[in-house]
Amino acid sequence: MIVVRFSNEMTKSLELVVEPWATQVTVPAGSKFAVHYSPPENRPDTSYAEVYEDMVKFWCEGDAFEVELNGKLILT
Protein backbone atom coordinates (compact mmCIF):
# COMPACT_ATOMS: atom_id res chain seq x y z
CA MET A 1 0.00 0.00 0.00
CA ILE A 2 1.28 3.44 -0.93
CA VAL A 3 0.51 6.34 1.42
CA VAL A 4 0.91 9.94 0.23
CA ARG A 5 0.73 12.42 3.13
CA PHE A 6 -0.17 16.10 3.16
CA SER A 7 -0.93 18.79 5.73
CA ASN A 8 -3.12 21.87 5.55
CA GLU A 9 -0.98 24.59 7.10
CA MET A 10 -3.43 27.33 6.11
CA THR A 11 -5.86 29.13 8.41
CA LYS A 12 -8.82 27.99 6.28
CA SER A 13 -10.19 24.72 4.94
CA LEU A 14 -9.14 23.32 1.61
CA GLU A 15 -10.59 20.71 -0.71
CA LEU A 16 -8.89 17.42 -1.51
CA VAL A 17 -10.08 16.10 -4.88
CA VAL A 18 -9.10 12.54 -5.81
CA GLU A 19 -9.23 11.86 -9.53
CA PRO A 20 -10.36 10.15 -11.68
CA TRP A 21 -13.25 9.62 -9.24
CA ALA A 22 -13.84 13.35 -8.58
CA THR A 23 -14.15 12.52 -4.87
CA GLN A 24 -14.05 15.67 -2.74
CA VAL A 25 -13.07 15.85 0.93
CA THR A 26 -13.01 19.07 2.95
CA VAL A 27 -9.81 19.32 4.98
CA PRO A 28 -10.05 21.71 7.96
CA ALA A 29 -7.27 24.20 8.71
CA GLY A 30 -4.32 22.64 10.52
CA SER A 31 -5.31 19.07 9.57
CA LYS A 32 -3.13 16.26 8.28
CA PHE A 33 -4.48 14.05 5.51
CA ALA A 34 -3.32 11.20 3.29
CA VAL A 35 -4.36 9.12 0.31
CA HIS A 36 -3.81 5.34 0.61
CA TYR A 37 -3.82 3.19 -2.51
CA SER A 38 -2.39 -0.01 -3.91
CA PRO A 39 0.05 0.47 -6.78
CA PRO A 40 -1.28 -0.36 -10.22
CA GLU A 41 -0.42 -3.76 -11.62
CA ASN A 42 1.26 -4.16 -15.01
CA ARG A 43 1.82 -0.42 -15.48
CA PRO A 44 3.93 2.26 -13.84
CA ASP A 45 2.53 4.32 -10.99
CA THR A 46 2.30 7.84 -12.34
CA SER A 47 0.15 9.26 -9.52
CA TYR A 48 0.78 12.93 -8.77
CA ALA A 49 -0.57 15.92 -6.86
CA GLU A 50 -1.48 19.37 -8.14
CA VAL A 51 -1.53 22.05 -5.43
CA TYR A 52 -3.71 25.14 -5.81
CA GLU A 53 -4.52 28.00 -3.44
CA ASP A 54 -7.47 26.24 -1.80
CA MET A 55 -7.34 22.72 -3.27
CA VAL A 56 -5.10 19.68 -3.63
CA LYS A 57 -5.95 17.52 -6.62
CA PHE A 58 -4.47 14.02 -6.40
CA TRP A 59 -4.44 11.92 -9.57
CA CYS A 60 -4.44 8.34 -8.28
CA GLU A 61 -3.29 5.54 -10.57
CA GLY A 62 -4.44 2.81 -8.16
CA ASP A 63 -7.68 0.93 -8.78
CA ALA A 64 -9.09 2.01 -5.41
CA PHE A 65 -8.15 4.42 -2.63
CA GLU A 66 -8.87 5.51 0.94
CA VAL A 67 -8.53 8.93 2.52
CA GLU A 68 -7.15 9.44 6.02
CA LEU A 69 -8.00 12.67 7.86
CA ASN A 70 -6.19 13.39 11.15
CA GLY A 71 -5.29 9.72 11.57
CA LYS A 72 -8.76 8.28 10.84
CA LEU A 73 -9.94 6.68 7.62
CA ILE A 74 -13.03 8.37 6.24
CA LEU A 75 -15.66 7.07 3.85
CA THR A 76 -15.15 8.13 0.25
C-alpha atoms as a PDB file:
ATOM      1  CA  MET A   1       0.000   0.000   0.000  1.00  0.00           C
ATOM      2  CA  ILE A   2       1.283   3.442  -0.930  1.00  0.00           C
ATOM      3  CA  VAL A   3       0.514   6.339   1.417  1.00  0.00           C
ATOM      4  CA  VAL A   4       0.915   9.937   0.233  1.00  0.00           C
ATOM      5  CA  ARG A   5       0.729  12.417   3.128  1.00  0.00           C
ATOM      6  CA  PHE A   6      -0.166  16.101   3.156  1.00  0.00           C
ATOM      7  CA  SER A   7      -0.930  18.789   5.728  1.00  0.00           C
ATOM      8  CA  ASN A   8      -3.124  21.867   5.546  1.00  0.00           C
ATOM      9  CA  GLU A   9      -0.978  24.590   7.100  1.00  0.00           C
ATOM     10  CA  MET A  10      -3.427  27.334   6.113  1.00  0.00           C
ATOM     11  CA  THR A  11      -5.859  29.132   8.409  1.00  0.00           C
ATOM     12  CA  LYS A  12      -8.820  27.995   6.281  1.00  0.00           C
ATOM     13  CA  SER A  13     -10.188  24.724   4.943  1.00  0.00           C
ATOM     14  CA  LEU A  14      -9.140  23.319   1.606  1.00  0.00           C
ATOM     15  CA  GLU A  15     -10.594  20.706  -0.707  1.00  0.00           C
ATOM     16  CA  LEU A  16      -8.890  17.422  -1.511  1.00  0.00           C
ATOM     17  CA  VAL A  17     -10.078  16.098  -4.878  1.00  0.00           C
ATOM     18  CA  VAL A  18      -9.101  12.539  -5.807  1.00  0.00           C
ATOM     19  CA  GLU A  19      -9.232  11.859  -9.532  1.00  0.00           C
ATOM     20  CA  PRO A  20     -10.356  10.153 -11.684  1.00  0.00           C
ATOM     21  CA  TRP A  21     -13.250   9.619  -9.243  1.00  0.00           C
ATOM     22  CA  ALA A  22     -13.845  13.348  -8.580  1.00  0.00           C
ATOM     23  CA  THR A  23     -14.150  12.518  -4.873  1.00  0.00           C
ATOM     24  CA  GLN A  24     -14.055  15.671  -2.738  1.00  0.00           C
ATOM     25  CA  VAL A  25     -13.069  15.852   0.927  1.00  0.00           C
ATOM     26  CA  THR A  26     -13.009  19.074   2.951  1.00  0.00           C
ATOM     27  CA  VAL A  27      -9.810  19.321   4.977  1.00  0.00           C
ATOM     28  CA  PRO A  28     -10.046  21.712   7.957  1.00  0.00           C
ATOM     29  CA  ALA A  29      -7.270  24.199   8.709  1.00  0.00           C
ATOM     30  CA  GLY A  30      -4.319  22.637  10.518  1.00  0.00           C
ATOM     31  CA  SER A  31      -5.307  19.070   9.571  1.00  0.00           C
ATOM     32  CA  LYS A  32      -3.134  16.259   8.281  1.00  0.00           C
ATOM     33  CA  PHE A  33      -4.477  14.049   5.507  1.00  0.00           C
ATOM     34  CA  ALA A  34      -3.322  11.200   3.295  1.00  0.00           C
ATOM     35  CA  VAL A  35      -4.356   9.123   0.307  1.00  0.00           C
ATOM     36  CA  HIS A  36      -3.805   5.338   0.614  1.00  0.00           C
ATOM     37  CA  TYR A  37      -3.822   3.188  -2.514  1.00  0.00           C
ATOM     38  CA  SER A  38      -2.389  -0.014  -3.915  1.00  0.00           C
ATOM     39  CA  PRO A  39       0.053   0.475  -6.781  1.00  0.00           C
ATOM     40  CA  PRO A  40      -1.283  -0.358 -10.215  1.00  0.00           C
ATOM     41  CA  GLU A  41      -0.421  -3.764 -11.616  1.00  0.00           C
ATOM     42  CA  ASN A  42       1.260  -4.164 -15.007  1.00  0.00           C
ATOM     43  CA  ARG A  43       1.821  -0.423 -15.485  1.00  0.00           C
ATOM     44  CA  PRO A  44       3.927   2.265 -13.841  1.00  0.00           C
ATOM     45  CA  ASP A  45       2.526   4.316 -10.988  1.00  0.00           C
ATOM     46  CA  THR A  46       2.299   7.845 -12.337  1.00  0.00           C
ATOM     47  CA  SER A  47       0.154   9.265  -9.516  1.00  0.00           C
ATOM     48  CA  TYR A  48       0.778  12.931  -8.766  1.00  0.00           C
ATOM     49  CA  ALA A  49      -0.573  15.921  -6.861  1.00  0.00           C
ATOM     50  CA  GLU A  50      -1.484  19.374  -8.136  1.00  0.00           C
ATOM     51  CA  VAL A  51      -1.525  22.045  -5.425  1.00  0.00           C
ATOM     52  CA  TYR A  52      -3.707  25.136  -5.805  1.00  0.00           C
ATOM     53  CA  GLU A  53      -4.517  28.001  -3.445  1.00  0.00           C
ATOM     54  CA  ASP A  54      -7.473  26.240  -1.801  1.00  0.00           C
ATOM     55  CA  MET A  55      -7.337  22.722  -3.270  1.00  0.00           C
ATOM     56  CA  VAL A  56      -5.100  19.684  -3.625  1.00  0.00           C
ATOM     57  CA  LYS A  57      -5.952  17.522  -6.621  1.00  0.00           C
ATOM     58  CA  PHE A  58      -4.472  14.023  -6.395  1.00  0.00           C
ATOM     59  CA  TRP A  59      -4.441  11.923  -9.569  1.00  0.00           C
ATOM     60  CA  CYS A  60      -4.440   8.341  -8.282  1.00  0.00           C
ATOM     61  CA  GLU A  61      -3.294   5.537 -10.571  1.00  0.00           C
ATOM     62  CA  GLY A  62      -4.440   2.811  -8.163  1.00  0.00           C
ATOM     63  CA  ASP A  63      -7.679   0.928  -8.779  1.00  0.00           C
ATOM     64  CA  ALA A  64      -9.093   2.015  -5.406  1.00  0.00           C
ATOM     65  CA  PHE A  65      -8.146   4.421  -2.627  1.00  0.00           C
ATOM     66  CA  GLU A  66      -8.868   5.505   0.938  1.00  0.00           C
ATOM     67  CA  VAL A  67      -8.527   8.932   2.517  1.00  0.00           C
ATOM     68  CA  GLU A  68      -7.152   9.444   6.020  1.00  0.00           C
ATOM     69  CA  LEU A  69      -7.996  12.671   7.859  1.00  0.00           C
ATOM     70  CA  ASN A  70      -6.190  13.390  11.148  1.00  0.00           C
ATOM     71  CA  GLY A  71      -5.292   9.721  11.565  1.00  0.00           C
ATOM     72  CA  LYS A  72      -8.757   8.284  10.842  1.00  0.00           C
ATOM     73  CA  LEU A  73      -9.945   6.675   7.616  1.00  0.00           C
ATOM     74  CA  ILE A  74     -13.031   8.368   6.241  1.00  0.00           C
ATOM     75  CA  LEU A  75     -15.660   7.067   3.849  1.00  0.00           C
ATOM     76  CA  THR A  76     -15.149   8.133   0.250  1.00  0.00           C
END
